[in-house]
Every structure is written in structure tokens, then in C-alpha cells.
C-alpha atoms as a PDB file:
ATOM      1  CA  MET A   1      11.502 -38.036 -65.080  1.00  0.00           C
ATOM      2  CA  VAL A   2      14.124 -40.111 -67.072  1.00  0.00           C
ATOM      3  CA  ARG A   3      15.727 -37.104 -68.143  1.00  0.00           C
ATOM      4  CA  GLY A   4      16.051 -35.987 -64.569  1.00  0.00           C
ATOM      5  CA  ALA A   5      16.966 -39.489 -63.319  1.00  0.00           C
ATOM      6  CA  LEU A   6      19.774 -39.342 -66.183  1.00  0.00           C
ATOM      7  CA  GLU A   7      20.927 -35.594 -65.345  1.00  0.00           C
ATOM      8  CA  GLU A   8      21.577 -36.810 -61.543  1.00  0.00           C
ATOM      9  CA  SER A   9      23.721 -39.207 -60.262  1.00  0.00           C
ATOM     10  CA  THR A  10      21.101 -42.043 -60.038  1.00  0.00           C
ATOM     11  CA  PRO A  11      22.000 -45.645 -59.100  1.00  0.00           C
ATOM     12  CA  PRO A  12      21.537 -47.768 -61.786  1.00  0.00           C
ATOM     13  CA  ALA A  13      18.854 -49.929 -60.345  1.00  0.00           C
ATOM     14  CA  ALA A  14      16.715 -46.755 -59.708  1.00  0.00           C
ATOM     15  CA  LEU A  15      17.199 -45.425 -63.367  1.00  0.00           C
ATOM     16  CA  ARG A  16      16.231 -48.870 -64.802  1.00  0.00           C
ATOM     17  CA  ALA A  17      12.836 -48.546 -62.604  1.00  0.00           C
ATOM     18  CA  ALA A  18      12.205 -45.202 -63.871  1.00  0.00           C
ATOM     19  CA  VAL A  19      12.838 -45.990 -67.510  1.00  0.00           C
ATOM     20  CA  ALA A  20      10.531 -49.261 -67.090  1.00  0.00           C
ATOM     21  CA  GLU A  21       7.694 -47.288 -65.613  1.00  0.00           C
ATOM     22  CA  GLN A  22       8.086 -44.529 -68.433  1.00  0.00           C
ATOM     23  CA  VAL A  23       7.982 -47.524 -70.973  1.00  0.00           C
ATOM     24  CA  GLU A  24       4.990 -49.025 -69.616  1.00  0.00           C
ATOM     25  CA  ARG A  25       3.195 -45.552 -69.419  1.00  0.00           C
ATOM     26  CA  MET A  26       3.982 -45.107 -73.393  1.00  0.00           C
ATOM     27  CA  ARG A  27       2.570 -48.783 -74.142  1.00  0.00           C
ATOM     28  CA  GLN A  28      -0.358 -47.746 -71.881  1.00  0.00           C
ATOM     29  CA  ILE A  29      -0.814 -44.461 -73.832  1.00  0.00           C
ATOM     30  CA  VAL A  30      -0.172 -46.363 -77.429  1.00  0.00           C
ATOM     31  CA  ASP A  31      -2.758 -49.044 -76.399  1.00  0.00           C
ATOM     32  CA  TYR A  32      -5.177 -46.592 -75.452  1.00  0.00           C
ATOM     33  CA  GLN A  33      -4.837 -44.591 -78.907  1.00  0.00           C
ATOM     34  CA  LEU A  34      -4.985 -47.535 -80.621  1.00  0.00           C
ATOM     35  CA  GLN A  35      -8.349 -48.660 -78.963  1.00  0.00           C
ATOM     36  CA  ARG A  36      -9.674 -45.383 -79.111  1.00  0.00           C
ATOM     37  CA  ALA A  37      -9.243 -45.655 -82.738  1.00  0.00           C
ATOM     38  CA  ALA A  38     -10.655 -49.430 -83.467  1.00  0.00           C
ATOM     39  CA  THR A  39     -13.784 -48.188 -81.831  1.00  0.00           C
ATOM     40  CA  SER A  40     -14.504 -44.977 -83.060  1.00  0.00           C
ATOM     41  CA  GLY A  41     -14.704 -46.310 -86.734  1.00  0.00           C
ATOM     42  CA  ARG A  42     -16.808 -44.792 -89.436  1.00  0.00           C
ATOM     43  CA  THR A  43     -19.942 -42.700 -88.398  1.00  0.00           C
ATOM     44  CA  THR A  44     -22.741 -42.397 -91.204  1.00  0.00           C
ATOM     45  CA  LEU A  45     -24.562 -39.650 -89.325  1.00  0.00           C
ATOM     46  CA  ALA A  46     -22.183 -37.108 -89.064  1.00  0.00           C
ATOM     47  CA  LYS A  47     -21.538 -34.632 -91.616  1.00  0.00           C
ATOM     48  CA  PRO A  48     -18.208 -35.605 -93.777  1.00  0.00           C
ATOM     49  CA  VAL A  49     -14.844 -33.634 -92.552  1.00  0.00           C
ATOM     50  CA  ALA A  50     -13.374 -31.548 -95.693  1.00  0.00           C
ATOM     51  CA  LEU A  51     -10.389 -33.434 -96.264  1.00  0.00           C
ATOM     52  CA  ARG A  52      -8.497 -30.624 -98.299  1.00  0.00           C
ATOM     53  CA  PRO A  53      -8.474 -27.938 -95.066  1.00  0.00           C
ATOM     54  CA  THR A  54      -7.497 -30.872 -92.995  1.00  0.00           C
ATOM     55  CA  VAL A  55      -4.636 -31.476 -94.938  1.00  0.00           C
ATOM     56  CA  GLN A  56      -3.767 -27.541 -95.164  1.00  0.00           C
ATOM     57  CA  ARG A  57      -3.831 -27.076 -91.284  1.00  0.00           C
ATOM     58  CA  LEU A  58      -1.128 -29.976 -91.024  1.00  0.00           C
ATOM     59  CA  THR A  59       0.805 -29.067 -93.548  1.00  0.00           C
ATOM     60  CA  VAL A  60       0.794 -25.347 -92.068  1.00  0.00           C
ATOM     61  CA  SER A  61       2.217 -26.950 -88.589  1.00  0.00           C
ATOM     62  CA  LEU A  62       4.592 -29.345 -90.602  1.00  0.00           C
ATOM     63  CA  ASP A  63       5.829 -26.413 -92.690  1.00  0.00           C
ATOM     64  CA  LYS A  64       7.053 -24.837 -89.151  1.00  0.00           C
ATOM     65  CA  VAL A  65       8.197 -27.838 -87.857  1.00  0.00           C
ATOM     66  CA  TYR A  66      10.622 -28.404 -90.648  1.00  0.00           C
ATOM     67  CA  ALA A  67      11.288 -24.852 -91.715  1.00  0.00           C
ATOM     68  CA  ASP A  68      15.091 -25.380 -91.914  1.00  0.00           C
ATOM     69  CA  ARG A  69      14.259 -27.893 -94.523  1.00  0.00           C
ATOM     70  CA  GLY A  70      12.307 -25.850 -97.149  1.00  0.00           C
ATOM     71  CA  ILE A  71      10.045 -28.469 -97.964  1.00  0.00           C
ATOM     72  CA  GLN A  72       7.537 -27.592-100.811  1.00  0.00           C
ATOM     73  CA  CYS A  73       3.936 -29.473-100.321  1.00  0.00           C
ATOM     74  CA  GLU A  74       1.821 -29.324-103.479  1.00  0.00           C
ATOM     75  CA  ILE A  75      -1.864 -30.282-102.500  1.00  0.00           C
ATOM     76  CA  VAL A  76      -4.390 -31.628-105.476  1.00  0.00           C
ATOM     77  CA  ILE A  77      -7.570 -32.289-103.369  1.00  0.00           C
ATOM     78  CA  ASP A  78     -11.300 -30.885-104.589  1.00  0.00           C
ATOM     79  CA  ASP A  79     -12.869 -29.137-101.898  1.00  0.00           C
ATOM     80  CA  ALA A  80     -15.912 -31.628-102.079  1.00  0.00           C
ATOM     81  CA  VAL A  81     -13.955 -34.370-101.002  1.00  0.00           C
ATOM     82  CA  GLY A  82     -14.655 -35.465 -97.986  1.00  0.00           C
ATOM     83  CA  PHE A  83     -14.095 -38.246 -95.167  1.00  0.00           C
ATOM     84  CA  ALA A  84     -17.041 -40.001 -93.503  1.00  0.00           C
ATOM     85  CA  GLY A  85     -15.197 -40.493 -90.094  1.00  0.00           C
ATOM     86  CA  ASP A  86     -14.086 -38.915 -86.940  1.00  0.00           C
ATOM     87  CA  GLN A  87     -11.957 -35.925 -87.465  1.00  0.00           C
ATOM     88  CA  GLY A  88      -9.618 -37.040 -84.937  1.00  0.00           C
ATOM     89  CA  ASP A  89      -8.963 -40.202 -86.508  1.00  0.00           C
ATOM     90  CA  LEU A  90      -8.502 -38.286 -89.857  1.00  0.00           C
ATOM     91  CA  MET A  91      -5.948 -35.743 -88.438  1.00  0.00           C
ATOM     92  CA  GLU A  92      -4.195 -38.651 -86.586  1.00  0.00           C
ATOM     93  CA  ALA A  93      -3.583 -40.762 -89.730  1.00  0.00           C
ATOM     94  CA  LEU A  94      -2.699 -37.863 -91.875  1.00  0.00           C
ATOM     95  CA  GLY A  95      -0.771 -36.350 -89.210  1.00  0.00           C
ATOM     96  CA  ASN A  96       1.483 -39.372 -89.090  1.00  0.00           C
ATOM     97  CA  VAL A  97       1.476 -39.857 -92.947  1.00  0.00           C
ATOM     98  CA  LEU A  98       2.634 -36.077 -93.684  1.00  0.00           C
ATOM     99  CA  ASP A  99       5.168 -36.150 -90.885  1.00  0.00           C
ATOM    100  CA  ASN A 100       6.828 -38.973 -92.483  1.00  0.00           C
ATOM    101  CA  ALA A 101       6.793 -37.420 -95.933  1.00  0.00           C
ATOM    102  CA  TYR A 102       8.333 -34.325 -94.564  1.00  0.00           C
ATOM    103  CA  LYS A 103      11.062 -36.154 -92.499  1.00  0.00           C
ATOM    104  CA  TRP A 104      11.960 -38.244 -95.404  1.00  0.00           C
ATOM    105  CA  ALA A 105      11.540 -35.824 -98.022  1.00  0.00           C
ATOM    106  CA  ARG A 106      14.459 -34.166 -99.940  1.00  0.00           C
ATOM    107  CA  GLY A 107      12.339 -30.909-100.781  1.00  0.00           C
ATOM    108  CA  ARG A 108       8.880 -31.922-102.134  1.00  0.00           C
ATOM    109  CA  VAL A 109       5.736 -33.357-100.833  1.00  0.00           C
ATOM    110  CA  TYR A 110       2.716 -34.183-103.201  1.00  0.00           C
ATOM    111  CA  VAL A 111      -0.909 -34.904-101.508  1.00  0.00           C
ATOM    112  CA  SER A 112      -3.569 -35.782-103.829  1.00  0.00           C
ATOM    113  CA  ALA A 113      -7.128 -37.260-102.925  1.00  0.00           C
ATOM    114  CA  SER A 114     -10.084 -38.589-105.403  1.00  0.00           C
ATOM    115  CA  ARG A 115     -13.527 -40.344-104.757  1.00  0.00           C
ATOM    116  CA  ASP A 116     -13.501 -43.712-106.822  1.00  0.00           C
ATOM    117  CA  THR A 117     -17.046 -45.462-107.168  1.00  0.00           C
ATOM    118  CA  ALA A 118     -15.249 -49.112-106.638  1.00  0.00           C
ATOM    119  CA  ALA A 119     -12.408 -47.870-104.394  1.00  0.00           C
ATOM    120  CA  GLY A 120     -14.086 -45.222-102.356  1.00  0.00           C
ATOM    121  CA  LEU A 121     -11.660 -42.287-100.715  1.00  0.00           C
ATOM    122  CA  VAL A 122      -8.223 -42.680-102.011  1.00  0.00           C
ATOM    123  CA  VAL A 123      -5.547 -40.310-100.411  1.00  0.00           C
ATOM    124  CA  LYS A 124      -1.928 -40.590-101.734  1.00  0.00           C
ATOM    125  CA  VAL A 125       1.163 -38.837 -99.720  1.00  0.00           C
ATOM    126  CA  GLU A 126       4.612 -38.822-101.820  1.00  0.00           C
ATOM    127  CA  ASP A 127       7.470 -37.518-101.466  1.00  0.00           C
ATOM    128  CA  ASP A 128      11.139 -37.135-103.265  1.00  0.00           C
ATOM    129  CA  GLY A 129      13.195 -38.876-100.491  1.00  0.00           C
ATOM    130  CA  PRO A 130      14.931 -42.358-100.758  1.00  0.00           C
ATOM    131  CA  GLY A 131      11.560 -44.396-100.228  1.00  0.00           C
ATOM    132  CA  VAL A 132      10.910 -47.604 -98.651  1.00  0.00           C
ATOM    133  CA  PRO A 133      12.711 -50.730 -99.996  1.00  0.00           C
ATOM    134  CA  ALA A 134      10.100 -53.103-101.175  1.00  0.00           C
ATOM    135  CA  ALA A 135      11.724 -55.764 -98.981  1.00  0.00           C
ATOM    136  CA  GLN A 136      10.478 -53.436 -95.894  1.00  0.00           C
ATOM    137  CA  ARG A 137       7.334 -52.501 -96.671  1.00  0.00           C
ATOM    138  CA  THR A 138       5.395 -55.031 -94.669  1.00  0.00           C
ATOM    139  CA  ALA A 139       7.779 -54.863 -91.680  1.00  0.00           C
ATOM    140  CA  VAL A 140       7.626 -50.982 -91.435  1.00  0.00           C
ATOM    141  CA  LEU A 141       4.142 -51.168 -91.044  1.00  0.00           C
ATOM    142  CA  GLN A 142       4.423 -53.281 -87.557  1.00  0.00           C
ATOM    143  CA  ARG A 143       4.982 -51.135 -84.288  1.00  0.00           C
ATOM    144  CA  GLY A 144       8.681 -50.267 -83.373  1.00  0.00           C
ATOM    145  CA  VAL A 145      10.014 -51.216 -86.922  1.00  0.00           C
ATOM    146  CA  ARG A 146      11.412 -48.088 -88.640  1.00  0.00           C
ATOM    147  CA  ALA A 147      12.904 -47.945 -91.832  1.00  0.00           C
ATOM    148  CA  ASP A 148      16.091 -46.428 -90.703  1.00  0.00           C
ATOM    149  CA  GLU A 149      17.271 -46.479 -87.029  1.00  0.00           C
ATOM    150  CA  ALA A 150      19.238 -43.498 -87.481  1.00  0.00           C
ATOM    151  CA  VAL A 151      16.372 -41.159 -87.930  1.00  0.00           C
ATOM    152  CA  SER A 152      14.428 -40.237 -85.028  1.00  0.00           C
ATOM    153  CA  GLY A 153      11.101 -41.894 -84.255  1.00  0.00           C
ATOM    154  CA  GLN A 154       9.200 -44.687 -82.343  1.00  0.00           C
ATOM    155  CA  GLY A 155       8.112 -46.821 -85.415  1.00  0.00           C
ATOM    156  CA  ILE A 156       4.354 -46.702 -84.240  1.00  0.00           C
ATOM    157  CA  GLY A 157       3.080 -43.790 -86.787  1.00  0.00           C
ATOM    158  CA  LEU A 158       2.264 -46.221 -89.604  1.00  0.00           C
ATOM    159  CA  ALA A 159       0.768 -48.830 -87.615  1.00  0.00           C
ATOM    160  CA  VAL A 160      -1.156 -46.424 -85.749  1.00  0.00           C
ATOM    161  CA  VAL A 161      -2.171 -45.308 -89.322  1.00  0.00           C
ATOM    162  CA  GLN A 162      -3.005 -48.676 -90.509  1.00  0.00           C
ATOM    163  CA  ASP A 163      -5.166 -49.514 -87.668  1.00  0.00           C
ATOM    164  CA  ILE A 164      -7.216 -46.490 -87.700  1.00  0.00           C
ATOM    165  CA  LEU A 165      -7.786 -47.221 -91.493  1.00  0.00           C
ATOM    166  CA  ARG A 166      -8.868 -51.141 -90.644  1.00  0.00           C
ATOM    167  CA  ALA A 167     -11.401 -49.734 -87.933  1.00  0.00           C
ATOM    168  CA  TYR A 168     -13.072 -48.040 -90.975  1.00  0.00           C
ATOM    169  CA  GLY A 169     -12.764 -50.823 -93.316  1.00  0.00           C
ATOM    170  CA  GLY A 170      -9.751 -49.260 -95.139  1.00  0.00           C
ATOM    171  CA  SER A 171      -6.283 -50.299 -96.082  1.00  0.00           C
ATOM    172  CA  LEU A 172      -2.770 -48.619 -96.206  1.00  0.00           C
ATOM    173  CA  GLU A 173      -0.316 -49.401 -99.066  1.00  0.00           C
ATOM    174  CA  LEU A 174       3.271 -48.466 -99.299  1.00  0.00           C
ATOM    175  CA  GLU A 175       4.531 -48.010-102.961  1.00  0.00           C
ATOM    176  CA  THR A 176       7.336 -46.013-104.916  1.00  0.00           C
ATOM    177  CA  SER A 177       6.140 -42.577-106.212  1.00  0.00           C
ATOM    178  CA  GLU A 178       6.168 -42.194-109.715  1.00  0.00           C
ATOM    179  CA  ARG A 179       5.767 -38.664-109.658  1.00  0.00           C
ATOM    180  CA  LEU A 180       8.420 -37.763-107.262  1.00  0.00           C
ATOM    181  CA  GLY A 181      10.739 -40.940-106.846  1.00  0.00           C
ATOM    182  CA  GLY A 182      10.437 -41.585-103.029  1.00  0.00           C
ATOM    183  CA  ALA A 183       7.572 -42.962-101.165  1.00  0.00           C
ATOM    184  CA  ARG A 184       3.756 -42.974-101.743  1.00  0.00           C
ATOM    185  CA  VAL A 185       1.822 -43.794 -99.249  1.00  0.00           C
ATOM    186  CA  VAL A 186      -1.866 -44.814-100.102  1.00  0.00           C
ATOM    187  CA  MET A 187      -4.790 -44.877 -97.956  1.00  0.00           C
ATOM    188  CA  HIS A 188      -7.994 -46.560 -98.886  1.00  0.00           C
ATOM    189  CA  LEU A 189     -10.979 -45.772 -97.185  1.00  0.00           C
ATOM    190  CA  PRO A 190     -14.173 -47.356 -98.564  1.00  0.00           C
ATOM    191  CA  ASP A 191     -17.698 -44.886 -98.674  1.00  0.00           C
ATOM    192  CA  ALA A 192     -19.634 -45.418 -95.929  1.00  0.00           C
END
């Protein structure tokens, strides 16, 4: 709708109205998805979702999207590691974090997961990109904030991930990757 209005000789008032309508529609979609994530939460009766195949499916897709970048992704996740929750929530959270890693990486992404008796499930996604400066880490977890305005995106991905993790009693941390030098996103999900 907006694209069509931009390509035609649309009067400024009509263009503003079209943009306002589409912005409101996007806000409704984001609010709906956040509400869905917040209400789904942990499900103790469901079979855990296998983590490794989920990460592999996502990286196969991202390898295609970012084929021109030649990103090499290493996955170090034991086949027995699973997520006690909704598969859609897992795909949404991992998809956002992995997409960021592929977007910012210079050439390498590293994904690992482990289960700790005290910490529960810990998933780490690391890249060899520029990282997130310590002073910006809290800000980029807020909706609409991006680390670099020159890079495409809406600045809602990490906020959505954080909301999903909180619905499960988990948390999200941004760090510096000791392995690759870029960003390390750490997702904590307590055991059911």
C-alpha cells in the first residue's frame, strides 16, 4: 500500500494517512506477537523440542538469505538437549538472534547450548562482527533501538526475544565473544 502510494503521484496528506495506517498495522502485529509469546510460556506436559535440529533448520535458511556473505556457522549442541516449551517460541527467539549474528558477522558464527543444573538451558550465539559496545547493550534490548541505524532492521528483534525468554522465566544477556571477538548473545531458560 505504501509502496504504491510512493510510486504514484499521491498527495502528501494521503501519503501521510497511508503511512500512519501501515505503522499502526505493524504495531498491532508486534503487540499480538509479544502477547502470544507472553501467554504461551512453559509447557511441562509437552515433549521437549530438540534444539540442534531447530538451529540447523534456521541456519540452512540463513545460509541461503546471506549466501553472498559466505558465513560459516559451527553448531555445538548435543542431540539430547531440548527446550521445554513451544516450538514457535523457540523458532522466533533463535531466528531473531541467529539473523542478527549472520547480519553482523564478518564470516563466522558459533552456536552452542548446554544444560546446567543451576542455570537450566543456556544457549549462546556468537559472531566475529563488531560486537555491541557495553554502553549500548541495555538500549538495544528495547523496542525500536538498533546498534547501527545504517543497517537494515526495525530494532524489535532482541526485544521480542527478551519477552519470549521472560515468559519462560528466562533472561537474555549481551556480551563480548571471547571465542570470535564479536557479540555473544546468551539465552537462559530455566528447566521445567
